[in-house]
Protein backbone atom coordinates (compact mmCIF):
# COMPACT_ATOMS: atom_id res chain seq x y z
CA MET A 1 -82.82 -65.53 -27.53
CA GLU A 2 -79.70 -63.40 -27.64
CA THR A 3 -76.31 -64.87 -26.81
CA THR A 4 -73.06 -63.19 -25.71
CA GLU A 5 -71.39 -64.02 -29.06
CA HIS A 6 -73.12 -61.11 -30.80
CA PRO A 7 -72.06 -57.58 -29.99
CA THR A 8 -74.43 -55.43 -28.02
CA GLU A 9 -74.93 -51.63 -27.72
CA GLY A 10 -72.96 -51.65 -24.49
CA ASP A 11 -70.01 -53.41 -26.16
CA PRO A 12 -69.39 -51.53 -29.44
CA LEU A 13 -65.76 -52.59 -29.79
CA LYS A 14 -66.81 -56.07 -30.64
CA ARG A 15 -68.60 -54.87 -33.75
CA GLY A 16 -65.29 -55.00 -35.60
CA GLU A 17 -65.49 -58.79 -35.46
CA HIS A 18 -68.30 -58.61 -37.97
CA GLY A 19 -69.04 -56.21 -40.81
CA ALA A 20 -67.69 -53.10 -39.09
CA GLU A 21 -64.22 -54.35 -38.25
CA THR A 22 -62.97 -54.21 -41.85
CA GLY A 23 -63.94 -50.50 -42.18
CA THR A 24 -62.26 -49.71 -38.88
CA ALA A 25 -58.97 -51.29 -39.97
CA GLN A 26 -59.00 -49.36 -43.24
CA THR A 27 -59.67 -46.05 -41.41
CA ALA A 28 -56.78 -46.65 -38.97
CA THR A 29 -54.42 -47.34 -41.88
CA GLU A 30 -55.44 -44.10 -43.64
CA LEU A 31 -55.03 -42.11 -40.44
CA LYS A 32 -51.58 -43.55 -39.92
CA LYS A 33 -50.48 -42.62 -43.44
CA LYS A 34 -51.95 -39.12 -43.05
CA SER A 35 -50.20 -38.53 -39.70
CA CYS A 36 -46.85 -39.54 -41.24
CA LYS A 37 -47.30 -37.04 -44.05
CA ASP A 38 -48.26 -34.26 -41.58
CA GLY A 39 -45.30 -35.10 -39.34
CA LEU A 40 -42.98 -34.88 -42.31
CA GLN A 41 -44.41 -31.50 -43.29
CA PHE A 42 -44.17 -30.23 -39.66
CA SER A 43 -40.54 -31.39 -39.44
CA LYS A 44 -39.67 -29.55 -42.65
CA GLY A 45 -41.37 -26.31 -41.38
CA THR A 46 -39.51 -26.49 -38.06
CA HIS A 47 -36.18 -26.77 -39.84
CA TRP A 48 -36.97 -23.73 -42.01
CA ARG A 49 -37.95 -21.61 -39.01
CA THR A 50 -34.77 -22.61 -37.17
CA ALA A 51 -32.67 -21.73 -40.18
CA VAL A 52 -34.34 -18.30 -40.55
CA PHE A 53 -33.84 -17.59 -36.82
CA PHE A 54 -30.13 -18.39 -36.86
CA LEU A 55 -29.64 -16.46 -40.11
CA SER A 56 -31.28 -13.37 -38.55
CA LEU A 57 -29.16 -13.74 -35.43
CA PHE A 58 -26.02 -14.06 -37.55
CA ILE A 59 -26.88 -10.87 -39.52
CA CYS A 60 -27.56 -8.95 -36.28
CA LEU A 61 -24.21 -10.01 -34.84
CA ILE A 62 -22.43 -8.93 -38.02
CA ILE A 63 -24.12 -5.49 -37.82
CA VAL A 64 -23.27 -5.07 -34.10
CA PHE A 65 -19.62 -6.01 -34.58
CA ALA A 66 -19.32 -3.85 -37.68
CA PHE A 67 -20.69 -0.73 -35.94
CA SER A 68 -18.57 -1.38 -32.85
CA PHE A 69 -15.52 -0.75 -35.04
CA ILE A 70 -17.02 1.96 -37.23
CA LEU A 71 -18.41 3.94 -34.27
CA PRO A 72 -15.99 3.49 -31.36
CA CYS A 73 -16.88 4.55 -27.81
CA PRO A 74 -16.15 8.21 -26.89
CA VAL A 75 -12.66 8.67 -25.53
CA ARG A 76 -12.29 10.61 -22.27
CA PRO A 77 -9.89 13.54 -22.57
CA GLN A 78 -6.45 12.71 -21.22
CA TYR A 79 -5.12 15.51 -19.05
CA LEU A 80 -1.91 16.24 -17.21
CA ILE A 81 -2.16 16.27 -13.42
CA THR A 82 -0.16 19.49 -13.41
CA TRP A 83 1.13 21.84 -16.06
CA ASN A 84 2.94 25.20 -16.17
CA ARG A 85 3.30 27.94 -18.78
CA THR A 86 6.13 30.44 -18.24
CA PHE A 87 6.36 33.81 -20.00
CA SER A 88 9.52 35.87 -19.53
CA GLU A 89 9.67 39.67 -19.67
CA ALA A 90 5.87 39.86 -19.60
CA ALA A 91 3.22 41.61 -17.53
CA THR A 92 -0.12 40.21 -16.40
CA TYR A 93 -3.30 41.34 -14.68
CA ASP A 94 -5.91 40.23 -12.17
CA PHE A 95 -8.04 38.41 -14.74
CA LEU A 96 -8.62 34.67 -15.02
CA ALA A 97 -11.60 33.05 -16.78
CA ILE A 98 -12.49 29.35 -16.73
CA GLU A 99 -14.49 28.64 -19.90
CA HIS A 100 -15.16 25.95 -22.52
CA ALA A 101 -12.97 27.20 -25.36
CA SER A 102 -12.37 23.79 -27.03
CA ASP A 103 -14.60 20.86 -27.99
CA ASP A 104 -13.53 18.46 -25.23
CA LYS A 105 -15.26 18.13 -21.84
CA VAL A 106 -12.49 19.83 -19.85
CA MET A 107 -12.68 23.51 -18.98
CA ASP A 108 -10.05 25.81 -20.45
CA VAL A 109 -8.27 28.90 -19.08
CA MET A 110 -8.25 32.45 -20.43
CA PHE A 111 -5.94 35.24 -19.22
CA VAL A 112 -4.21 38.42 -20.40
CA LEU A 113 -0.54 39.25 -20.95
CA LYS A 114 1.36 42.30 -22.11
CA ASN A 115 4.36 41.30 -24.18
CA THR A 116 6.08 41.85 -27.51
CA GLU A 117 5.54 38.26 -28.69
CA VAL A 118 4.00 35.14 -27.18
CA THR A 119 4.17 32.73 -30.12
CA GLN A 120 6.89 32.86 -32.75
CA ASN A 121 5.93 34.87 -35.86
CA LYS A 122 2.96 36.44 -34.04
CA SER A 123 4.35 39.69 -32.72
CA CYS A 124 2.68 43.02 -32.02
CA ALA A 125 4.47 44.57 -35.00
CA ASP A 126 3.04 41.89 -37.33
CA ALA A 127 -0.45 43.01 -36.35
CA GLY A 128 0.41 46.69 -36.80
CA LEU A 129 0.26 47.37 -33.05
CA PRO A 130 2.69 49.21 -30.77
CA SER A 131 5.03 46.93 -28.83
CA PRO A 132 4.48 45.61 -26.22
CA CYS A 133 0.77 45.03 -26.81
CA VAL A 134 -2.07 43.17 -25.10
CA PHE A 135 -2.37 39.41 -25.71
CA VAL A 136 -5.56 37.56 -24.81
CA LEU A 137 -4.79 33.84 -24.57
CA ALA A 138 -6.86 30.68 -24.20
CA VAL A 139 -4.96 27.56 -23.13
CA ASP A 140 -6.20 23.98 -23.07
CA GLY A 141 -7.20 22.82 -19.61
CA THR A 142 -5.83 19.33 -20.31
CA ASP A 143 -2.20 20.25 -20.99
CA GLY A 144 -1.82 24.05 -20.99
CA GLU A 145 -1.14 24.28 -24.73
CA THR A 146 -2.28 27.45 -26.50
CA LEU A 147 -5.67 27.15 -28.22
CA TRP A 148 -5.60 30.67 -29.63
CA GLU A 149 -4.16 34.12 -28.97
CA SER A 150 -5.46 37.51 -29.96
CA ARG A 151 -3.49 40.78 -30.06
CA LEU A 152 -5.05 44.08 -29.02
CA GLU A 153 -3.93 47.67 -28.52
CA PRO A 154 -2.48 48.57 -25.12
CA GLU A 155 -3.18 49.49 -22.35
CA PHE A 156 -5.39 46.86 -20.70
CA HIS A 157 -8.14 48.06 -18.31
CA TRP A 158 -10.50 45.18 -17.58
CA ALA A 159 -12.08 42.03 -19.04
CA GLN A 160 -15.11 39.86 -18.35
CA CYS A 161 -16.14 36.53 -19.87
CA GLY A 162 -19.25 34.38 -19.54
CA LEU A 163 -21.41 36.98 -21.32
CA ASN A 164 -22.80 34.62 -23.98
CA VAL A 165 -25.85 33.79 -21.83
CA GLY A 166 -27.87 36.63 -23.36
CA LYS A 167 -30.45 36.11 -26.07
CA GLY A 168 -28.89 35.90 -29.55
CA ARG A 169 -25.44 37.05 -28.43
CA THR A 170 -22.59 35.57 -30.50
CA TRP A 171 -19.67 36.68 -28.33
CA ASP A 172 -18.50 35.68 -24.86
CA CYS A 173 -15.89 38.13 -23.55
CA LEU A 174 -15.78 41.93 -23.41
CA LEU A 175 -12.47 43.74 -22.94
CA SER A 176 -11.68 47.37 -22.24
CA HIS A 177 -8.26 48.39 -23.55
CA SER A 178 -6.74 51.60 -24.89
CA ASP A 179 -9.79 53.70 -25.82
CA LYS A 180 -11.75 50.73 -27.18
CA LEU A 181 -14.25 48.05 -26.21
CA THR A 182 -13.76 44.67 -27.91
CA ALA A 183 -16.24 41.76 -27.96
CA MET A 184 -14.56 38.42 -28.54
CA ASP A 185 -15.52 34.81 -29.34
CA LYS A 186 -14.06 32.49 -26.69
CA HIS A 187 -13.81 29.53 -29.09
CA THR A 188 -11.66 31.23 -31.72
CA GLY A 189 -10.44 34.53 -30.27
CA HIS A 190 -11.97 36.36 -33.22
CA VAL A 191 -13.19 39.92 -32.66
CA VAL A 192 -16.97 40.07 -33.16
CA TRP A 193 -17.16 43.84 -32.82
CA GLN A 194 -14.96 46.68 -31.64
CA GLN A 195 -16.07 50.20 -30.75
CA LEU A 196 -14.59 53.31 -29.19
CA HIS A 197 -15.22 53.49 -25.47
CA PRO A 198 -17.83 56.17 -24.65
CA THR A 199 -15.96 59.45 -24.17
CA GLY A 200 -15.14 60.44 -20.61
CA LEU A 201 -16.56 57.23 -19.14
CA HIS A 202 -14.10 55.20 -17.02
CA SER A 203 -16.19 52.06 -16.67
CA SER A 204 -15.54 49.09 -14.40
CA VAL A 205 -16.67 45.47 -14.06
CA PRO A 206 -19.05 43.81 -13.77
CA VAL A 207 -20.59 44.31 -17.20
CA LEU A 208 -24.38 44.12 -16.81
CA SER A 209 -26.27 41.86 -19.23
CA VAL A 210 -29.69 43.46 -19.86
CA PRO A 211 -32.68 42.53 -22.05
CA ASP A 212 -32.94 43.64 -25.69
CA LEU A 213 -33.54 47.40 -25.67
CA ASP A 214 -33.00 48.34 -29.32
CA GLY A 215 -35.26 45.72 -30.91
CA ASP A 216 -32.61 43.76 -32.82
CA LYS A 217 -33.45 40.50 -30.97
CA VAL A 218 -30.03 40.44 -29.25
CA SER A 219 -29.56 41.06 -25.52
CA ASP A 220 -27.73 44.28 -24.74
CA VAL A 221 -25.19 45.31 -22.10
CA ALA A 222 -24.75 48.18 -19.67
CA LEU A 223 -21.53 49.74 -18.36
CA VAL A 224 -21.32 51.65 -15.09
CA ALA A 225 -18.66 54.27 -14.34
CA SER A 226 -18.14 56.17 -11.11
CA ASP A 227 -15.83 58.94 -9.96
CA SER A 228 -15.74 61.41 -7.08
CA THR A 229 -18.55 63.52 -8.54
CA GLN A 230 -21.12 61.14 -10.02
CA THR A 231 -22.09 57.64 -11.19
CA GLN A 232 -23.04 57.16 -14.84
CA LEU A 233 -24.42 54.31 -16.96
CA VAL A 234 -24.32 53.72 -20.70
CA LEU A 235 -26.33 51.16 -22.68
CA LEU A 236 -24.66 49.33 -25.57
CA SER A 237 -26.06 47.16 -28.33
CA GLY A 238 -25.12 43.53 -27.79
CA LYS A 239 -25.03 43.03 -31.56
CA THR A 240 -22.85 45.96 -32.67
CA GLY A 241 -21.51 47.64 -29.54
CA LEU A 242 -23.01 51.00 -30.54
CA GLN A 243 -24.41 53.18 -27.77
CA ILE A 244 -28.17 53.08 -27.23
CA GLY A 245 -29.60 56.46 -26.32
CA SER A 246 -27.67 58.90 -24.16
CA THR A 247 -25.50 58.48 -21.07
CA VAL A 248 -27.53 58.39 -17.84
CA VAL A 249 -26.45 59.88 -14.50
CA LEU A 250 -27.53 57.33 -11.89
CA ASP A 251 -26.47 59.20 -8.79
CA SER A 252 -24.77 62.43 -7.81
CA THR A 253 -22.27 60.62 -5.59
CA GLN A 254 -19.59 57.99 -6.08
CA THR A 255 -20.60 54.32 -5.84
CA ALA A 256 -18.18 51.56 -4.84
CA SER A 257 -19.70 48.72 -6.86
CA HIS A 258 -22.79 47.70 -8.83
CA LEU A 259 -24.83 44.61 -9.69
CA LEU A 260 -27.87 43.68 -11.80
CA HIS A 261 -30.77 42.09 -9.93
CA CYS A 262 -34.03 40.56 -11.16
CA THR A 263 -37.19 40.51 -9.03
CA ALA A 264 -39.89 37.85 -8.89
CA GLU A 265 -41.98 39.94 -11.31
CA GLY A 266 -39.17 39.89 -13.88
CA SER A 267 -38.21 43.51 -13.33
CA HIS A 268 -34.48 44.38 -13.52
CA TYR A 269 -32.77 46.72 -11.06
CA VAL A 270 -29.23 48.09 -11.08
CA LEU A 271 -27.95 47.81 -7.51
CA LEU A 272 -25.64 50.62 -6.40
CA GLN A 273 -23.35 50.36 -3.41
CA LYS A 274 -23.12 53.77 -1.74
CA ASP A 275 -21.66 55.12 1.50
CA THR A 276 -25.13 55.12 3.05
CA GLY A 277 -26.10 51.59 2.01
CA LEU A 278 -27.32 49.51 -0.90
CA PHE A 279 -29.94 50.92 -3.28
CA GLY A 280 -31.65 49.78 -6.49
CA LEU A 281 -32.72 51.72 -9.58
CA ALA A 282 -35.21 50.18 -12.03
CA LEU A 283 -33.94 49.48 -15.55
CA TRP A 284 -37.14 50.91 -17.04
CA ARG A 285 -36.34 54.23 -15.36
CA ILE A 286 -32.77 54.13 -16.74
CA ALA A 287 -34.00 53.27 -20.26
CA ALA A 288 -36.47 56.15 -20.10
CA LYS A 289 -33.73 58.60 -19.09
CA ALA A 290 -31.50 57.30 -21.88
CA LYS A 291 -34.40 57.64 -24.33
CA ALA A 292 -33.66 54.13 -25.53
CA GLY A 293 -37.19 53.81 -26.89
CA MET A 294 -37.86 50.32 -25.47
CA GLU A 295 -38.62 51.15 -21.83
CA ALA A 296 -42.32 50.41 -22.36
CA GLY A 297 -41.52 46.73 -22.86
CA LEU A 298 -39.65 46.40 -19.55
CA LYS A 299 -41.51 44.98 -16.58
CA LYS A 300 -42.25 46.96 -13.42
CA ASP A 301 -42.37 45.54 -9.90
CA LYS A 302 -45.12 47.23 -7.87
CA THR A 303 -43.78 45.87 -4.57
CA TRP A 304 -40.31 47.36 -5.08
CA GLU A 305 -41.63 50.62 -6.52
CA LYS A 306 -43.71 51.28 -3.40
CA ASN A 307 -40.43 52.01 -1.59
CA ALA A 308 -38.84 54.07 -4.40
CA SER A 309 -37.80 57.66 -3.71
CA ALA A 310 -40.11 60.17 -5.38
CA THR A 311 -37.16 62.29 -6.51
CA SER A 312 -34.37 59.85 -7.42
CA GLY A 313 -36.32 56.62 -7.94
CA LEU A 314 -33.82 54.75 -5.75
CA VAL A 315 -35.19 51.79 -3.78
CA PRO A 316 -33.46 51.28 -0.38
CA ILE A 317 -32.36 47.66 0.06
CA TYR A 318 -30.01 47.82 3.04
CA GLU A 319 -29.14 51.09 4.72
CA SER A 320 -25.88 51.16 6.66
CA GLU A 321 -22.69 53.17 6.83
CA ALA A 322 -19.64 52.15 4.83
CA VAL A 323 -20.97 49.25 2.76
CA SER A 324 -17.82 47.69 1.32
CA ARG A 325 -19.17 44.80 -0.76
CA VAL A 326 -22.39 43.36 -2.11
CA LEU A 327 -22.48 39.80 -3.45
CA ARG A 328 -25.11 37.59 -4.99
CA LYS A 329 -25.35 34.46 -2.87
CA GLU A 330 -25.81 32.24 -5.93
CA GLU A 331 -23.73 33.71 -8.73
CA ALA A 332 -25.65 32.08 -11.57
CA ASP A 333 -29.04 33.25 -10.23
CA ASP A 334 -29.68 36.97 -10.75
CA SER A 335 -32.65 36.85 -8.34
CA SER A 336 -30.96 35.14 -5.38
CA ASN A 337 -30.46 36.56 -1.90
CA LEU A 338 -27.91 39.36 -1.42
CA LEU A 339 -24.93 39.31 0.93
CA VAL A 340 -24.03 42.80 2.14
CA VAL A 341 -20.66 43.40 3.82
CA THR A 342 -19.95 46.55 5.85
CA ASN A 343 -17.08 47.49 8.14
CA LYS A 344 -19.06 46.18 11.12
CA GLU A 345 -21.28 43.36 9.92
CA VAL A 346 -22.18 40.74 7.33
CA ALA A 347 -25.88 40.62 6.50
CA LEU A 348 -28.07 38.47 4.26
CA VAL A 349 -31.06 40.19 2.60
CA ASP A 350 -33.97 38.42 0.92
CA GLY A 351 -33.54 39.12 -2.78
CA GLN A 352 -37.28 39.43 -3.40
CA LYS A 353 -38.96 40.75 -0.24
CA LEU A 354 -35.95 42.92 0.75
CA GLN A 355 -36.21 41.63 4.32
CA LEU A 356 -33.18 41.13 6.55
CA LEU A 357 -32.72 37.37 7.02
CA TRP A 358 -29.80 37.53 9.47
CA ARG A 359 -26.87 39.67 10.55
CA PHE A 360 -23.43 38.72 11.86
CA ASN A 361 -21.36 41.32 13.72
CA THR A 362 -17.67 41.57 12.84
CA THR A 363 -14.77 43.94 13.31
CA SER A 364 -13.31 44.11 9.80
CA VAL A 365 -13.66 41.76 6.83
CA LEU A 366 -10.35 41.26 5.03
CA SER A 367 -11.33 39.71 1.72
CA GLU A 368 -14.38 39.09 -0.39
CA PRO A 369 -16.46 36.30 1.22
CA SER A 370 -16.96 33.03 -0.63
CA PHE A 371 -19.55 30.27 -0.52
CA GLY A 372 -19.67 26.50 0.00
CA HIS A 373 -21.58 23.68 1.70
CA PHE A 374 -20.38 22.92 5.23
CA ASN A 375 -23.50 20.97 6.26
CA LYS A 376 -26.12 18.95 4.39
CA ASP A 377 -29.04 21.40 4.41
CA GLU A 378 -28.36 22.22 0.71
CA ILE A 379 -28.11 25.95 1.56
CA LEU A 380 -24.86 27.69 0.68
CA ASP A 381 -22.80 28.71 3.71
CA ILE A 382 -20.50 31.74 3.81
CA VAL A 383 -16.74 31.87 4.42
CA VAL A 384 -15.57 35.14 6.01
CA GLU A 385 -12.03 36.26 6.89
CA GLU A 386 -12.11 38.64 9.86
CA ASP A 387 -9.17 40.82 10.90
CA ILE A 388 -8.63 40.34 14.64
CA GLY A 389 -5.38 42.34 14.89
CA ASN A 390 -1.73 41.48 15.49
CA TYR A 391 -1.36 40.20 11.89
CA THR A 392 -3.96 37.53 12.63
CA LYS A 393 -7.22 36.68 10.90
CA LYS A 394 -10.10 34.45 11.86
CA VAL A 395 -11.53 32.23 9.13
CA ILE A 396 -15.23 31.78 9.92
CA ILE A 397 -17.85 29.62 8.17
CA LEU A 398 -21.34 31.03 8.76
CA ASP A 399 -24.55 29.02 8.41
CA GLY A 400 -26.27 30.25 5.27
CA LYS A 401 -29.68 29.69 6.85
CA SER A 402 -29.23 31.34 10.26
CA GLY A 403 -25.91 33.24 10.19
CA GLY A 404 -24.59 31.22 13.13
CA VAL A 405 -20.94 30.14 13.34
CA LEU A 406 -20.41 26.60 12.06
CA TRP A 407 -16.60 26.53 12.14
CA GLU A 408 -13.66 28.85 12.80
CA VAL A 409 -9.87 28.91 13.05
CA ASN A 410 -7.21 31.57 13.64
CA LEU A 411 -4.45 32.00 11.05
CA LEU A 412 -1.69 34.50 10.48
CA ALA A 413 -2.69 36.95 7.78
CA SER A 414 0.22 36.31 5.45
CA PRO A 415 0.68 38.93 2.70
CA ASN A 416 -0.61 38.13 -0.78
CA SER A 417 -3.08 35.48 0.42
CA PRO A 418 -5.96 34.86 -2.06
CA ARG A 419 -9.57 34.83 -0.93
CA PRO A 420 -11.02 31.48 0.26
CA ALA A 421 -12.51 29.08 -2.29
CA SER A 422 -14.44 25.81 -2.30
CA ILE A 423 -15.34 22.92 -4.61
CA HIS A 424 -18.53 20.90 -4.13
CA THR A 425 -18.43 17.09 -3.71
CA THR A 426 -20.98 14.40 -4.46
CA ASN A 427 -21.60 13.74 -0.74
CA TYR A 428 -23.22 17.20 -0.31
CA PHE A 429 -20.16 18.75 1.40
CA SER A 430 -17.62 21.14 -0.11
CA VAL A 431 -13.85 21.05 0.16
CA PHE A 432 -12.80 24.48 1.44
CA MET A 433 -9.43 26.00 0.55
CA PHE A 434 -7.88 29.08 2.17
CA TRP A 435 -4.47 30.66 2.68
CA GLY A 436 -2.42 31.88 5.64
CA MET A 437 -0.29 30.21 8.29
CA MET A 438 -0.93 28.47 11.59
CA PRO A 439 0.41 30.63 14.48
CA SER A 440 2.12 27.60 16.04
CA GLU A 441 4.42 27.29 13.01
CA PHE A 442 5.46 30.95 12.91
CA ASN A 443 8.72 32.17 14.41
CA SER A 444 8.87 35.85 13.38
CA THR A 445 7.01 38.96 14.52
CA ILE A 446 5.61 39.94 11.11
CA PRO A 447 4.50 37.30 8.55
CA LEU A 448 6.14 37.46 5.13
CA ALA A 449 4.86 36.31 1.75
CA GLY A 450 7.15 33.27 1.97
CA ASP A 451 5.36 32.22 5.16
CA ARG A 452 2.12 31.61 3.24
CA ARG A 453 0.53 28.14 3.31
CA SER A 454 -2.59 26.69 1.70
CA TYR A 455 -5.10 24.68 3.72
CA MET A 456 -7.85 22.25 2.80
CA LEU A 457 -10.84 21.53 5.04
CA LEU A 458 -13.34 18.72 4.61
CA PRO A 459 -16.35 19.18 6.95
CA LEU A 460 -16.39 15.44 7.60
CA TYR A 461 -13.15 16.07 9.56
CA SER A 462 -13.89 19.46 11.07
CA LYS A 463 -10.94 19.18 13.47
CA VAL A 464 -8.40 18.44 10.73
CA LEU A 465 -6.64 20.63 8.16
CA LEU A 466 -4.34 19.53 5.35
CA GLU A 467 -1.45 22.00 5.04
CA SER A 468 0.60 22.49 1.82
CA THR A 469 3.59 24.70 1.04
CA ASN A 470 3.75 24.52 -2.74
CA VAL A 471 3.45 28.17 -3.87
CA MET A 472 6.12 30.72 -2.97
CA ASP A 473 5.79 33.25 -5.83
CA HIS A 474 3.60 36.36 -5.81
CA ILE A 475 0.03 35.33 -6.62
CA VAL A 476 -1.72 37.69 -9.04
CA THR A 477 -4.97 35.72 -9.06
CA PHE A 478 -6.22 32.26 -8.04
CA LYS A 479 -9.26 30.09 -8.76
CA ALA A 480 -10.33 26.68 -7.52
CA THR A 481 -12.68 25.02 -9.97
CA LEU A 482 -14.08 21.81 -11.41
CA MET A 483 -12.29 21.20 -14.71
CA GLU A 484 -14.46 18.23 -15.69
CA ARG A 485 -17.87 17.18 -14.38
CA GLY A 486 -17.64 14.59 -11.61
CA ARG A 487 -13.83 14.60 -11.53
CA HIS A 488 -10.69 16.67 -12.06
CA ALA A 489 -11.04 19.31 -9.37
CA ALA A 490 -8.08 21.68 -9.67
CA TYR A 491 -6.84 25.14 -8.86
CA ILE A 492 -5.37 27.64 -11.30
CA LEU A 493 -2.62 30.04 -10.23
CA LEU A 494 -1.38 33.08 -12.10
CA THR A 495 1.85 34.39 -10.55
CA GLY A 496 3.98 37.33 -11.57
CA PRO A 497 5.52 40.66 -10.52
CA VAL A 498 4.25 42.31 -7.34
CA THR A 499 3.11 45.43 -9.22
CA GLU A 500 0.28 44.76 -11.65
CA GLY A 501 1.34 45.54 -15.21
CA ALA A 502 5.06 45.50 -14.39
CA GLU A 503 7.36 43.31 -16.49
CA GLY A 504 8.85 40.13 -15.11
CA THR A 505 8.35 36.37 -15.19
CA VAL A 506 4.70 35.31 -15.42
CA VAL A 507 3.68 31.71 -14.69
CA LEU A 508 0.28 30.16 -15.30
CA SER A 509 -0.08 26.78 -13.60
CA LYS A 510 -2.72 24.17 -12.94
CA ARG A 511 -2.56 21.66 -10.10
CA LYS A 512 -5.00 18.85 -9.47
CA LEU A 513 -6.49 19.35 -6.01
CA LYS A 514 -5.78 15.78 -4.91
CA GLN A 515 -2.17 16.12 -6.00
CA ASP A 516 -1.41 18.09 -2.82
CA VAL A 517 -2.87 15.40 -0.53
CA PRO A 518 0.04 12.87 -0.34
CA ASP A 519 2.63 15.51 0.61
CA SER A 520 0.29 17.51 2.86
CA LYS A 521 0.79 17.79 6.58
CA VAL A 522 -2.19 16.66 8.67
CA LEU A 523 -2.91 19.26 11.37
CA ARG A 524 -5.30 18.41 14.18
CA ILE A 525 -6.93 21.50 15.63
CA GLY A 526 -9.02 21.85 18.77
CA THR A 527 -10.16 18.90 20.85
CA GLY A 528 -12.46 15.96 20.29
CA GLY A 529 -11.38 15.28 16.74
CA THR A 530 -11.38 12.02 14.82
CA SER A 531 -9.31 9.06 15.97
CA GLU A 532 -8.60 7.97 12.40
CA SER A 533 -4.97 7.83 11.33
CA ASN A 534 -3.38 10.41 9.04
CA GLU A 535 -3.26 7.85 6.23
CA ASP A 536 -6.98 7.12 6.55
CA ILE A 537 -7.80 10.84 6.45
CA LYS A 538 -5.71 11.34 3.33
CA GLU A 539 -7.33 8.31 1.73
CA THR A 540 -10.77 9.87 2.34
CA PHE A 541 -9.62 13.01 0.50
CA ASN A 542 -8.29 10.88 -2.37
CA ARG A 543 -11.62 9.06 -2.73
CA LEU A 544 -13.67 12.25 -3.07
CA ARG A 545 -15.80 12.77 -6.17
CA PHE A 546 -16.71 16.29 -7.22
CA SER A 547 -19.77 17.88 -8.75
CA GLU A 548 -21.29 21.22 -9.64
CA TRP A 549 -23.48 23.08 -7.16
């Protein structure tokens, strides 16, 4: 009979009281010793891993700190809010180019002088030129200091920069002076090539940048010249400046202006502004007449060619009497819509379908229209100055989409007033700038040049103008521009003698746009304007950030 003193199957722990308990005690002791050894090994491994981690972190920090001193952060260019360059006994011309001529992020300024010497020890005589001669100068946009100057033979005729967009072209500016054409590098002022101007051809700007026609893998250029008897075109190699083929007669009448346009099919047309309207002539036709040899590679647009004249090849774009100006709505886009200005109307034509988009009737347009954003539809609007008589002009902003009037104001048409300008902001609007004088501030019968004022308009305050009186000299040319992306909106003024090319004091100046705000006079026009104080309005102008289109 079994008793409770002996272990049973249901009570295994009691087995250790007999033969099994000795083995169990020995096993527990071994396990304890083994766990101590493993714990010691684990502790040593943990310490090693910690040490490696902190050593790696220490090395990384050393590398970061070392490179932070070796490779410092880029330094933003430091610029002067305003600067002036004065040249005595000099002549200047209606030419002003805003280009990147230096390595910083601020745009630089290029212009032309006629003088005997601009920088000491760099006279016309030193270059073997008659004195005075033509000086092409590039000055730093940050402080107005001279980056380079180049001396050329007189007399100066015209200049155009921004021509380095062509394929393989190594120069940026083309100048016509004396009997020569000179291609120049905007970064150094070095002459890339110089050729005699085609005989008997009195060309004018704009220079047309055309595809490669002579097969040297460099885009070529075309010059247009017009007189009372005919309009001619000559093709030049973009690489050497040598003439390609023969001179082509485009039309048997005089043309007021010209432009290069590209269709949706990639076909190029030279637009000619005639007394009877605006017409286009295909580049492939011109190349064939010049016997350039590359016309077969130029694209043809079947839609445009359907309307071409069987005799002249001209394609009618907008037929009207006395067309005075034709502008590309978006200057950087050679296929954009076309703005046509006549003595009676301003019209916008579809640049591809050649359809009239809208027309605005006017009496007489005083200056070349300009573009900007008055509303937030992301379509460029048009600024027009209309002559309404009695020495008064109406500044009108037309809706770029419909041609309707968005804004208008009457100003006295002060002499020597530049065309309107605008600079785009990051809040989709543009700041508009124009010149004249409010009639309420005028006391004489005929406005004088000294009565000229500049005005700034921000569409957010459409019933407010900021008036400044900071420029009293004769303005040769003027440009409002963005000197640095996102900031540094400014305007450049070139002042000098009343007669172009006459000697006198020439001043090139840059003023930051916001610099005029504190001393500006706040003018409230019309009714129903903002109730904000003058200080709040000026503060809004000061907080503006600027951008490209």
